[in-house]
Amino acid sequence: SSEVAVVPTVRYGRGSGHILLSNIWCSGEEASLAQCYHGLLYPQD
């Protein structure tokens, strides 16, 4: 579906463990987030 939404943390709570991706940039046509541009895995910011 093209009808999607981004939801802030407050709605579904915080996770635990590692954070894998940050500053992702996708065209929207990719099949996986792995195909989008992103910075270092496990970001510090």
ModelCIF file with pLDDT and N, C-alpha, C, O atoms, coordinates in Angstrom:
data_MODEL
#
_entry.id   MODEL 
#
_entity.id                         1 
_entity.type                       polymer 
_entity.pdbx_number_of_molecules   1 
#
_entity_poly.entity_id                      1 
_entity_poly.type                           'polypeptide(L)' 
_entity_poly.nstd_linkage                   no 
_entity_poly.nstd_monomer                   no 
_entity_poly.pdbx_seq_one_letter_code       SSEVAVVPTVRYGRGSGHILLSNIWCSGEEASLAQCYHGLLYPQD 
_entity_poly.pdbx_seq_one_letter_code_can   SSEVAVVPTVRYGRGSGHILLSNIWCSGEEASLAQCYHGLLYPQD 
_entity_poly.pdbx_strand_id                 A 
#
loop_
_entity_poly_seq.entity_id 
_entity_poly_seq.num 
_entity_poly_seq.mon_id 
_entity_poly_seq.hetero 
1 1  SER n 
1 2  SER n 
1 3  GLU n 
1 4  VAL n 
1 5  ALA n 
1 6  VAL n 
1 7  VAL n 
1 8  PRO n 
1 9  THR n 
1 10 VAL n 
1 11 ARG n 
1 12 TYR n 
1 13 GLY n 
1 14 ARG n 
1 15 GLY n 
1 16 SER n 
1 17 GLY n 
1 18 HIS n 
1 19 ILE n 
1 20 LEU n 
1 21 LEU n 
1 22 SER n 
1 23 ASN n 
1 24 ILE n 
1 25 TRP n 
1 26 CYS n 
1 27 SER n 
1 28 GLY n 
1 29 GLU n 
1 30 GLU n 
1 31 ALA n 
1 32 SER n 
1 33 LEU n 
1 34 ALA n 
1 35 GLN n 
1 36 CYS n 
1 37 TYR n 
1 38 HIS n 
1 39 GLY n 
1 40 LEU n 
1 41 LEU n 
1 42 TYR n 
1 43 PRO n 
1 44 GLN n 
1 45 ASP n 
#
_struct_asym.id          A 
_struct_asym.entity_id   1 
#
loop_
_ma_qa_metric.id 
_ma_qa_metric.mode 
_ma_qa_metric.name 
_ma_qa_metric.software_group_id 
_ma_qa_metric.type 
1 global pLDDT . pLDDT 
2 local  pLDDT . pLDDT 
#
_ma_qa_metric_global.metric_id      1 
_ma_qa_metric_global.metric_value   92.96 
_ma_qa_metric_global.model_id       1 
_ma_qa_metric_global.ordinal_id     1 
#
loop_
_ma_qa_metric_local.label_asym_id 
_ma_qa_metric_local.label_comp_id 
_ma_qa_metric_local.label_seq_id 
_ma_qa_metric_local.metric_id 
_ma_qa_metric_local.metric_value 
_ma_qa_metric_local.model_id 
_ma_qa_metric_local.ordinal_id 
A SER 1  2 76.00 1 1  
A SER 2  2 78.00 1 2  
A GLU 3  2 88.00 1 3  
A VAL 4  2 93.00 1 4  
A ALA 5  2 93.00 1 5  
A VAL 6  2 95.00 1 6  
A VAL 7  2 94.00 1 7  
A PRO 8  2 91.00 1 8  
A THR 9  2 92.00 1 9  
A VAL 10 2 90.00 1 10 
A ARG 11 2 92.00 1 11 
A TYR 12 2 95.00 1 12 
A GLY 13 2 94.00 1 13 
A ARG 14 2 96.00 1 14 
A GLY 15 2 95.00 1 15 
A SER 16 2 94.00 1 16 
A GLY 17 2 94.00 1 17 
A HIS 18 2 96.00 1 18 
A ILE 19 2 97.00 1 19 
A LEU 20 2 97.00 1 20 
A LEU 21 2 96.00 1 21 
A SER 22 2 94.00 1 22 
A ASN 23 2 93.00 1 23 
A ILE 24 2 94.00 1 24 
A TRP 25 2 95.00 1 25 
A CYS 26 2 96.00 1 26 
A SER 27 2 95.00 1 27 
A GLY 28 2 93.00 1 28 
A GLU 29 2 93.00 1 29 
A GLU 30 2 94.00 1 30 
A ALA 31 2 94.00 1 31 
A SER 32 2 95.00 1 32 
A LEU 33 2 96.00 1 33 
A ALA 34 2 93.00 1 34 
A GLN 35 2 93.00 1 35 
A CYS 36 2 94.00 1 36 
A TYR 37 2 92.00 1 37 
A HIS 38 2 91.00 1 38 
A GLY 39 2 88.00 1 39 
A LEU 40 2 95.00 1 40 
A LEU 41 2 96.00 1 41 
A TYR 42 2 97.00 1 42 
A PRO 43 2 94.00 1 43 
A GLN 44 2 93.00 1 44 
A ASP 45 2 89.00 1 45 
#
loop_
_atom_site.group_PDB 
_atom_site.id 
_atom_site.type_symbol 
_atom_site.label_atom_id 
_atom_site.label_alt_id 
_atom_site.label_comp_id 
_atom_site.label_asym_id 
_atom_site.label_entity_id 
_atom_site.label_seq_id 
_atom_site.pdbx_PDB_ins_code 
_atom_site.Cartn_x 
_atom_site.Cartn_y 
_atom_site.Cartn_z 
_atom_site.occupancy 
_atom_site.B_iso_or_equiv 
_atom_site.pdbx_formal_charge 
_atom_site.auth_seq_id 
_atom_site.auth_comp_id 
_atom_site.auth_asym_id 
_atom_site.auth_atom_id 
_atom_site.pdbx_PDB_model_num 
ATOM 1   N N  . SER A 1 1  ? 0.827  -1.206 0.000  1.00 76.00 ? 1  SER A N  1 
ATOM 2   C CA . SER A 1 1  ? 0.000  0.000  0.000  1.00 76.00 ? 1  SER A CA 1 
ATOM 3   C C  . SER A 1 1  ? 0.863  1.259  0.000  1.00 76.00 ? 1  SER A C  1 
ATOM 4   O O  . SER A 1 1  ? 1.908  1.317  0.648  1.00 76.00 ? 1  SER A O  1 
ATOM 5   N N  . SER A 1 2  ? 0.396  2.273  -0.749 1.00 78.00 ? 2  SER A N  1 
ATOM 6   C CA . SER A 1 2  ? 1.091  3.570  -0.732 1.00 78.00 ? 2  SER A CA 1 
ATOM 7   C C  . SER A 1 2  ? 0.607  4.417  0.432  1.00 78.00 ? 2  SER A C  1 
ATOM 8   O O  . SER A 1 2  ? 1.164  5.477  0.715  1.00 78.00 ? 2  SER A O  1 
ATOM 9   N N  . GLU A 1 3  ? -0.441 3.938  1.108  1.00 88.00 ? 3  GLU A N  1 
ATOM 10  C CA . GLU A 1 3  ? -0.989 4.655  2.258  1.00 88.00 ? 3  GLU A CA 1 
ATOM 11  C C  . GLU A 1 3  ? -0.290 4.172  3.523  1.00 88.00 ? 3  GLU A C  1 
ATOM 12  O O  . GLU A 1 3  ? -0.729 3.222  4.170  1.00 88.00 ? 3  GLU A O  1 
ATOM 13  N N  . VAL A 1 4  ? 0.811  4.848  3.863  1.00 93.00 ? 4  VAL A N  1 
ATOM 14  C CA . VAL A 1 4  ? 1.607  4.463  5.032  1.00 93.00 ? 4  VAL A CA 1 
ATOM 15  C C  . VAL A 1 4  ? 1.832  5.697  5.909  1.00 93.00 ? 4  VAL A C  1 
ATOM 16  O O  . VAL A 1 4  ? 1.593  6.829  5.489  1.00 93.00 ? 4  VAL A O  1 
ATOM 17  N N  . ALA A 1 5  ? 2.289  5.455  7.113  1.00 93.00 ? 5  ALA A N  1 
ATOM 18  C CA . ALA A 1 5  ? 2.586  6.574  8.012  1.00 93.00 ? 5  ALA A CA 1 
ATOM 19  C C  . ALA A 1 5  ? 3.765  6.211  8.899  1.00 93.00 ? 5  ALA A C  1 
ATOM 20  O O  . ALA A 1 5  ? 3.973  5.050  9.251  1.00 93.00 ? 5  ALA A O  1 
ATOM 21  N N  . VAL A 1 6  ? 4.527  7.232  9.248  1.00 95.00 ? 6  VAL A N  1 
ATOM 22  C CA . VAL A 1 6  ? 5.628  7.091  10.204 1.00 95.00 ? 6  VAL A CA 1 
ATOM 23  C C  . VAL A 1 6  ? 5.094  7.503  11.575 1.00 95.00 ? 6  VAL A C  1 
ATOM 24  O O  . VAL A 1 6  ? 4.438  8.536  11.709 1.00 95.00 ? 6  VAL A O  1 
ATOM 25  N N  . VAL A 1 7  ? 5.378  6.693  12.582 1.00 94.00 ? 7  VAL A N  1 
ATOM 26  C CA . VAL A 1 7  ? 4.802  6.912  13.909 1.00 94.00 ? 7  VAL A CA 1 
ATOM 27  C C  . VAL A 1 7  ? 5.920  7.129  14.929 1.00 94.00 ? 7  VAL A C  1 
ATOM 28  O O  . VAL A 1 7  ? 6.905  6.391  14.925 1.00 94.00 ? 7  VAL A O  1 
ATOM 29  N N  . PRO A 1 8  ? 5.782  8.141  15.810 1.00 91.00 ? 8  PRO A N  1 
ATOM 30  C CA . PRO A 1 8  ? 6.823  8.385  16.820 1.00 91.00 ? 8  PRO A CA 1 
ATOM 31  C C  . PRO A 1 8  ? 6.890  7.278  17.864 1.00 91.00 ? 8  PRO A C  1 
ATOM 32  O O  . PRO A 1 8  ? 5.964  6.478  18.001 1.00 91.00 ? 8  PRO A O  1 
ATOM 33  N N  . THR A 1 9  ? 7.980  7.245  18.586 1.00 92.00 ? 9  THR A N  1 
ATOM 34  C CA . THR A 1 9  ? 8.255  6.198  19.572 1.00 92.00 ? 9  THR A CA 1 
ATOM 35  C C  . THR A 1 9  ? 7.171  6.093  20.632 1.00 92.00 ? 9  THR A C  1 
ATOM 36  O O  . THR A 1 9  ? 6.873  5.000  21.115 1.00 92.00 ? 9  THR A O  1 
ATOM 37  N N  . VAL A 1 10 ? 6.589  7.213  20.990 1.00 90.00 ? 10 VAL A N  1 
ATOM 38  C CA . VAL A 1 10 ? 5.629  7.234  22.089 1.00 90.00 ? 10 VAL A CA 1 
ATOM 39  C C  . VAL A 1 10 ? 4.445  6.293  21.836 1.00 90.00 ? 10 VAL A C  1 
ATOM 40  O O  . VAL A 1 10 ? 3.824  5.822  22.789 1.00 90.00 ? 10 VAL A O  1 
ATOM 41  N N  . ARG A 1 11 ? 4.119  6.010  20.554 1.00 92.00 ? 11 ARG A N  1 
ATOM 42  C CA . ARG A 1 11 ? 2.940  5.190  20.254 1.00 92.00 ? 11 ARG A CA 1 
ATOM 43  C C  . ARG A 1 11 ? 3.184  3.703  20.495 1.00 92.00 ? 11 ARG A C  1 
ATOM 44  O O  . ARG A 1 11 ? 2.331  3.028  21.070 1.00 92.00 ? 11 ARG A O  1 
ATOM 45  N N  . TYR A 1 12 ? 4.317  3.189  20.072 1.00 95.00 ? 12 TYR A N  1 
ATOM 46  C CA . TYR A 1 12 ? 4.557  1.744  20.181 1.00 95.00 ? 12 TYR A CA 1 
ATOM 47  C C  . TYR A 1 12 ? 5.723  1.398  21.107 1.00 95.00 ? 12 TYR A C  1 
ATOM 48  O O  . TYR A 1 12 ? 6.159  0.248  21.155 1.00 95.00 ? 12 TYR A O  1 
ATOM 49  N N  . GLY A 1 13 ? 6.222  2.385  21.835 1.00 94.00 ? 13 GLY A N  1 
ATOM 50  C CA . GLY A 1 13 ? 7.227  2.145  22.859 1.00 94.00 ? 13 GLY A CA 1 
ATOM 51  C C  . GLY A 1 13 ? 8.652  1.993  22.339 1.00 94.00 ? 13 GLY A C  1 
ATOM 52  O O  . GLY A 1 13 ? 8.903  1.905  21.137 1.00 94.00 ? 13 GLY A O  1 
ATOM 53  N N  . ARG A 1 14 ? 9.553  1.968  23.282 1.00 96.00 ? 14 ARG A N  1 
ATOM 54  C CA . ARG A 1 14 ? 10.973 1.824  22.971 1.00 96.00 ? 14 ARG A CA 1 
ATOM 55  C C  . ARG A 1 14 ? 11.348 0.342  22.889 1.00 96.00 ? 14 ARG A C  1 
ATOM 56  O O  . ARG A 1 14 ? 10.808 -0.509 23.596 1.00 96.00 ? 14 ARG A O  1 
ATOM 57  N N  . GLY A 1 15 ? 12.304 0.078  21.988 1.00 95.00 ? 15 GLY A N  1 
ATOM 58  C CA . GLY A 1 15 ? 12.827 -1.268 21.900 1.00 95.00 ? 15 GLY A CA 1 
ATOM 59  C C  . GLY A 1 15 ? 14.014 -1.441 22.832 1.00 95.00 ? 15 GLY A C  1 
ATOM 60  O O  . GLY A 1 15 ? 14.222 -0.630 23.735 1.00 95.00 ? 15 GLY A O  1 
ATOM 61  N N  . SER A 1 16 ? 14.791 -2.492 22.617 1.00 94.00 ? 16 SER A N  1 
ATOM 62  C CA . SER A 1 16 ? 16.003 -2.744 23.409 1.00 94.00 ? 16 SER A CA 1 
ATOM 63  C C  . SER A 1 16 ? 17.067 -3.322 22.485 1.00 94.00 ? 16 SER A C  1 
ATOM 64  O O  . SER A 1 16 ? 16.812 -3.567 21.306 1.00 94.00 ? 16 SER A O  1 
ATOM 65  N N  . GLY A 1 17 ? 18.237 -3.534 23.020 1.00 94.00 ? 17 GLY A N  1 
ATOM 66  C CA . GLY A 1 17 ? 19.329 -4.052 22.185 1.00 94.00 ? 17 GLY A CA 1 
ATOM 67  C C  . GLY A 1 17 ? 19.906 -2.986 21.278 1.00 94.00 ? 17 GLY A C  1 
ATOM 68  O O  . GLY A 1 17 ? 19.940 -1.811 21.642 1.00 94.00 ? 17 GLY A O  1 
ATOM 69  N N  . HIS A 1 18 ? 20.361 -3.384 20.102 1.00 96.00 ? 18 HIS A N  1 
ATOM 70  C CA . HIS A 1 18 ? 21.017 -2.456 19.187 1.00 96.00 ? 18 HIS A CA 1 
ATOM 71  C C  . HIS A 1 18 ? 20.034 -1.706 18.295 1.00 96.00 ? 18 HIS A C  1 
ATOM 72  O O  . HIS A 1 18 ? 18.935 -2.186 18.016 1.00 96.00 ? 18 HIS A O  1 
ATOM 73  N N  . ILE A 1 19 ? 20.447 -0.526 17.854 1.00 97.00 ? 19 ILE A N  1 
ATOM 74  C CA . ILE A 1 19 ? 19.761 0.221  16.804 1.00 97.00 ? 19 ILE A CA 1 
ATOM 75  C C  . ILE A 1 19 ? 20.576 -0.011 15.532 1.00 97.00 ? 19 ILE A C  1 
ATOM 76  O O  . ILE A 1 19 ? 21.774 0.274  15.510 1.00 97.00 ? 19 ILE A O  1 
ATOM 77  N N  . LEU A 1 20 ? 19.955 -0.519 14.485 1.00 97.00 ? 20 LEU A N  1 
ATOM 78  C CA . LEU A 1 20 ? 20.715 -0.927 13.299 1.00 97.00 ? 20 LEU A CA 1 
ATOM 79  C C  . LEU A 1 20 ? 20.933 0.200  12.291 1.00 97.00 ? 20 LEU A C  1 
ATOM 80  O O  . LEU A 1 20 ? 22.041 0.372  11.782 1.00 97.00 ? 20 LEU A O  1 
ATOM 81  N N  . LEU A 1 21 ? 19.883 0.968  12.000 1.00 96.00 ? 21 LEU A N  1 
ATOM 82  C CA . LEU A 1 21 ? 19.946 1.924  10.895 1.00 96.00 ? 21 LEU A CA 1 
ATOM 83  C C  . LEU A 1 21 ? 19.564 3.332  11.330 1.00 96.00 ? 21 LEU A C  1 
ATOM 84  O O  . LEU A 1 21 ? 18.717 3.522  12.203 1.00 96.00 ? 21 LEU A O  1 
ATOM 85  N N  . SER A 1 22 ? 20.207 4.318  10.703 1.00 94.00 ? 22 SER A N  1 
ATOM 86  C CA . SER A 1 22 ? 19.868 5.731  10.911 1.00 94.00 ? 22 SER A CA 1 
ATOM 87  C C  . SER A 1 22 ? 20.150 6.484  9.620  1.00 94.00 ? 22 SER A C  1 
ATOM 88  O O  . SER A 1 22 ? 20.952 6.048  8.794  1.00 94.00 ? 22 SER A O  1 
ATOM 89  N N  . ASN A 1 23 ? 19.480 7.624  9.456  1.00 93.00 ? 23 ASN A N  1 
ATOM 90  C CA . ASN A 1 23 ? 19.705 8.472  8.281  1.00 93.00 ? 23 ASN A CA 1 
ATOM 91  C C  . ASN A 1 23 ? 19.580 7.685  6.976  1.00 93.00 ? 23 ASN A C  1 
ATOM 92  O O  . ASN A 1 23 ? 20.432 7.768  6.092  1.00 93.00 ? 23 ASN A O  1 
ATOM 93  N N  . ILE A 1 24 ? 18.489 6.919  6.885  1.00 94.00 ? 24 ILE A N  1 
ATOM 94  C CA . ILE A 1 24 ? 18.216 6.140  5.677  1.00 94.00 ? 24 ILE A CA 1 
ATOM 95  C C  . ILE A 1 24 ? 17.625 7.055  4.605  1.00 94.00 ? 24 ILE A C  1 
ATOM 96  O O  . ILE A 1 24 ? 16.857 7.969  4.904  1.00 94.00 ? 24 ILE A O  1 
ATOM 97  N N  . TRP A 1 25 ? 17.993 6.794  3.365  1.00 95.00 ? 25 TRP A N  1 
ATOM 98  C CA . TRP A 1 25 ? 17.379 7.515  2.238  1.00 95.00 ? 25 TRP A CA 1 
ATOM 99  C C  . TRP A 1 25 ? 16.976 6.492  1.185  1.00 95.00 ? 25 TRP A C  1 
ATOM 100 O O  . TRP A 1 25 ? 17.818 5.787  0.630  1.00 95.00 ? 25 TRP A O  1 
ATOM 101 N N  . CYS A 1 26 ? 15.669 6.423  0.918  1.00 96.00 ? 26 CYS A N  1 
ATOM 102 C CA . CYS A 1 26 ? 15.135 5.503  -0.090 1.00 96.00 ? 26 CYS A CA 1 
ATOM 103 C C  . CYS A 1 26 ? 14.431 6.295  -1.188 1.00 96.00 ? 26 CYS A C  1 
ATOM 104 O O  . CYS A 1 26 ? 13.948 7.402  -0.952 1.00 96.00 ? 26 CYS A O  1 
ATOM 105 N N  . SER A 1 27 ? 14.377 5.729  -2.372 1.00 95.00 ? 27 SER A N  1 
ATOM 106 C CA . SER A 1 27 ? 13.573 6.332  -3.441 1.00 95.00 ? 27 SER A CA 1 
ATOM 107 C C  . SER A 1 27 ? 12.104 5.959  -3.264 1.00 95.00 ? 27 SER A C  1 
ATOM 108 O O  . SER A 1 27 ? 11.213 6.627  -3.788 1.00 95.00 ? 27 SER A O  1 
ATOM 109 N N  . GLY A 1 28 ? 11.867 4.884  -2.519 1.00 93.00 ? 28 GLY A N  1 
ATOM 110 C CA . GLY A 1 28 ? 10.509 4.402  -2.300 1.00 93.00 ? 28 GLY A CA 1 
ATOM 111 C C  . GLY A 1 28 ? 10.172 3.187  -3.135 1.00 93.00 ? 28 GLY A C  1 
ATOM 112 O O  . GLY A 1 28 ? 9.144  2.542  -2.928 1.00 93.00 ? 28 GLY A O  1 
ATOM 113 N N  . GLU A 1 29 ? 11.053 2.874  -4.091 1.00 93.00 ? 29 GLU A N  1 
ATOM 114 C CA . GLU A 1 29 ? 10.805 1.747  -5.003 1.00 93.00 ? 29 GLU A CA 1 
ATOM 115 C C  . GLU A 1 29 ? 11.577 0.493  -4.622 1.00 93.00 ? 29 GLU A C  1 
ATOM 116 O O  . GLU A 1 29 ? 11.367 -0.560 -5.222 1.00 93.00 ? 29 GLU A O  1 
ATOM 117 N N  . GLU A 1 30 ? 12.469 0.583  -3.634 1.00 94.00 ? 30 GLU A N  1 
ATOM 118 C CA . GLU A 1 30 ? 13.307 -0.555 -3.264 1.00 94.00 ? 30 GLU A CA 1 
ATOM 119 C C  . GLU A 1 30 ? 12.474 -1.684 -2.651 1.00 94.00 ? 30 GLU A C  1 
ATOM 120 O O  . GLU A 1 30 ? 11.387 -1.449 -2.122 1.00 94.00 ? 30 GLU A O  1 
ATOM 121 N N  . ALA A 1 31 ? 12.991 -2.901 -2.727 1.00 94.00 ? 31 ALA A N  1 
ATOM 122 C CA . ALA A 1 31 ? 12.319 -4.063 -2.146 1.00 94.00 ? 31 ALA A CA 1 
ATOM 123 C C  . ALA A 1 31 ? 12.695 -4.254 -0.681 1.00 94.00 ? 31 ALA A C  1 
ATOM 124 O O  . ALA A 1 31 ? 11.992 -4.935 0.064  1.00 94.00 ? 31 ALA A O  1 
ATOM 125 N N  . SER A 1 32 ? 13.830 -3.637 -0.266 1.00 95.00 ? 32 SER A N  1 
ATOM 126 C CA . SER A 1 32 ? 14.307 -3.812 1.100  1.00 95.00 ? 32 SER A CA 1 
ATOM 127 C C  . SER A 1 32 ? 15.057 -2.564 1.558  1.00 95.00 ? 32 SER A C  1 
ATOM 128 O O  . SER A 1 32 ? 15.656 -1.864 0.741  1.00 95.00 ? 32 SER A O  1 
ATOM 129 N N  . LEU A 1 33 ? 15.025 -2.287 2.846  1.00 96.00 ? 33 LEU A N  1 
ATOM 130 C CA . LEU A 1 33 ? 15.802 -1.162 3.406  1.00 96.00 ? 33 LEU A CA 1 
ATOM 131 C C  . LEU A 1 33 ? 17.299 -1.358 3.168  1.00 96.00 ? 33 LEU A C  1 
ATOM 132 O O  . LEU A 1 33 ? 18.057 -0.388 3.156  1.00 96.00 ? 33 LEU A O  1 
ATOM 133 N N  . ALA A 1 34 ? 17.728 -2.607 2.977  1.00 93.00 ? 34 ALA A N  1 
ATOM 134 C CA . ALA A 1 34 ? 19.144 -2.887 2.714  1.00 93.00 ? 34 ALA A CA 1 
ATOM 135 C C  . ALA A 1 34 ? 19.599 -2.266 1.400  1.00 93.00 ? 34 ALA A C  1 
ATOM 136 O O  . ALA A 1 34 ? 20.791 -2.033 1.204  1.00 93.00 ? 34 ALA A O  1 
ATOM 137 N N  . GLN A 1 35 ? 18.649 -1.994 0.491  1.00 93.00 ? 35 GLN A N  1 
ATOM 138 C CA . GLN A 1 35 ? 18.996 -1.416 -0.811 1.00 93.00 ? 35 GLN A CA 1 
ATOM 139 C C  . GLN A 1 35 ? 19.016 0.117  -0.777 1.00 93.00 ? 35 GLN A C  1 
ATOM 140 O O  . GLN A 1 35 ? 19.441 0.753  -1.742 1.00 93.00 ? 35 GLN A O  1 
ATOM 141 N N  . CYS A 1 36 ? 18.564 0.702  0.317  1.00 94.00 ? 36 CYS A N  1 
ATOM 142 C CA . CYS A 1 36 ? 18.551 2.168  0.453  1.00 94.00 ? 36 CYS A CA 1 
ATOM 143 C C  . CYS A 1 36 ? 19.905 2.654  0.951  1.00 94.00 ? 36 CYS A C  1 
ATOM 144 O O  . CYS A 1 36 ? 20.673 1.902  1.552  1.00 94.00 ? 36 CYS A O  1 
ATOM 145 N N  . TYR A 1 37 ? 20.179 3.930  0.688  1.00 92.00 ? 37 TYR A N  1 
ATOM 146 C CA . TYR A 1 37 ? 21.421 4.507  1.222  1.00 92.00 ? 37 TYR A CA 1 
ATOM 147 C C  . TYR A 1 37 ? 21.265 4.709  2.726  1.00 92.00 ? 37 TYR A C  1 
ATOM 148 O O  . TYR A 1 37 ? 20.210 5.125  3.206  1.00 92.00 ? 37 TYR A O  1 
ATOM 149 N N  . HIS A 1 38 ? 22.327 4.408  3.453  1.00 91.00 ? 38 HIS A N  1 
ATOM 150 C CA . HIS A 1 38 ? 22.322 4.658  4.897  1.00 91.00 ? 38 HIS A CA 1 
ATOM 151 C C  . HIS A 1 38 ? 23.749 4.852  5.373  1.00 91.00 ? 38 HIS A C  1 
ATOM 152 O O  . HIS A 1 38 ? 24.696 4.479  4.679  1.00 91.00 ? 38 HIS A O  1 
ATOM 153 N N  . GLY A 1 39 ? 23.905 5.422  6.528  1.00 88.00 ? 39 GLY A N  1 
ATOM 154 C CA . GLY A 1 39 ? 25.232 5.624  7.107  1.00 88.00 ? 39 GLY A CA 1 
ATOM 155 C C  . GLY A 1 39 ? 25.750 4.338  7.722  1.00 88.00 ? 39 GLY A C  1 
ATOM 156 O O  . GLY A 1 39 ? 25.327 3.245  7.345  1.00 88.00 ? 39 GLY A O  1 
ATOM 157 N N  . LEU A 1 40 ? 26.669 4.470  8.672  1.00 95.00 ? 40 LEU A N  1 
ATOM 158 C CA . LEU A 1 40 ? 27.232 3.309  9.361  1.00 95.00 ? 40 LEU A CA 1 
ATOM 159 C C  . LEU A 1 40 ? 26.127 2.516  10.045 1.00 95.00 ? 40 LEU A C  1 
ATOM 160 O O  . LEU A 1 40 ? 25.182 3.094  10.581 1.00 95.00 ? 40 LEU A O  1 
ATOM 161 N N  . LEU A 1 41 ? 26.247 1.196  10.027 1.00 96.00 ? 41 LEU A N  1 
ATOM 162 C CA . LEU A 1 41 ? 25.333 0.376  10.815 1.00 96.00 ? 41 LEU A CA 1 
ATOM 163 C C  . LEU A 1 41 ? 25.626 0.576  12.297 1.00 96.00 ? 41 LEU A C  1 
ATOM 164 O O  . LEU A 1 41 ? 26.755 0.893  12.672 1.00 96.00 ? 41 LEU A O  1 
ATOM 165 N N  . TYR A 1 42 ? 24.625 0.395  13.127 1.00 97.00 ? 42 TYR A N  1 
ATOM 166 C CA . TYR A 1 42 ? 24.728 0.596  14.569 1.00 97.00 ? 42 TYR A CA 1 
ATOM 167 C C  . TYR A 1 42 ? 25.196 2.020  14.888 1.00 97.00 ? 42 TYR A C  1 
ATOM 168 O O  . TYR A 1 42 ? 26.247 2.201  15.503 1.00 97.00 ? 42 TYR A O  1 
ATOM 169 N N  . PRO A 1 43 ? 24.421 3.033  14.474 1.00 94.00 ? 43 PRO A N  1 
ATOM 170 C CA . PRO A 1 43 ? 24.849 4.437  14.612 1.00 94.00 ? 43 PRO A CA 1 
ATOM 171 C C  . PRO A 1 43 ? 24.960 4.876  16.072 1.00 94.00 ? 43 PRO A C  1 
ATOM 172 O O  . PRO A 1 43 ? 24.324 4.316  16.965 1.00 94.00 ? 43 PRO A O  1 
ATOM 173 N N  . GLN A 1 44 ? 25.793 5.900  16.280 1.00 93.00 ? 44 GLN A N  1 
ATOM 174 C CA . GLN A 1 44 ? 25.987 6.436  17.624 1.00 93.00 ? 44 GLN A CA 1 
ATOM 175 C C  . GLN A 1 44 ? 25.052 7.595  17.936 1.00 93.00 ? 44 GLN A C  1 
ATOM 176 O O  . GLN A 1 44 ? 24.892 7.974  19.096 1.00 93.00 ? 44 GLN A O  1 
ATOM 177 N N  . ASP A 1 45 ? 24.435 8.157  16.902 1.00 89.00 ? 45 ASP A N  1 
ATOM 178 C CA . ASP A 1 45 ? 23.675 9.399  17.106 1.00 89.00 ? 45 ASP A CA 1 
ATOM 179 C C  . ASP A 1 45 ? 22.208 9.155  17.433 1.00 89.00 ? 45 ASP A C  1 
ATOM 180 O O  . ASP A 1 45 ? 21.453 10.106 17.628 1.00 89.00 ? 45 ASP A O  1 
#
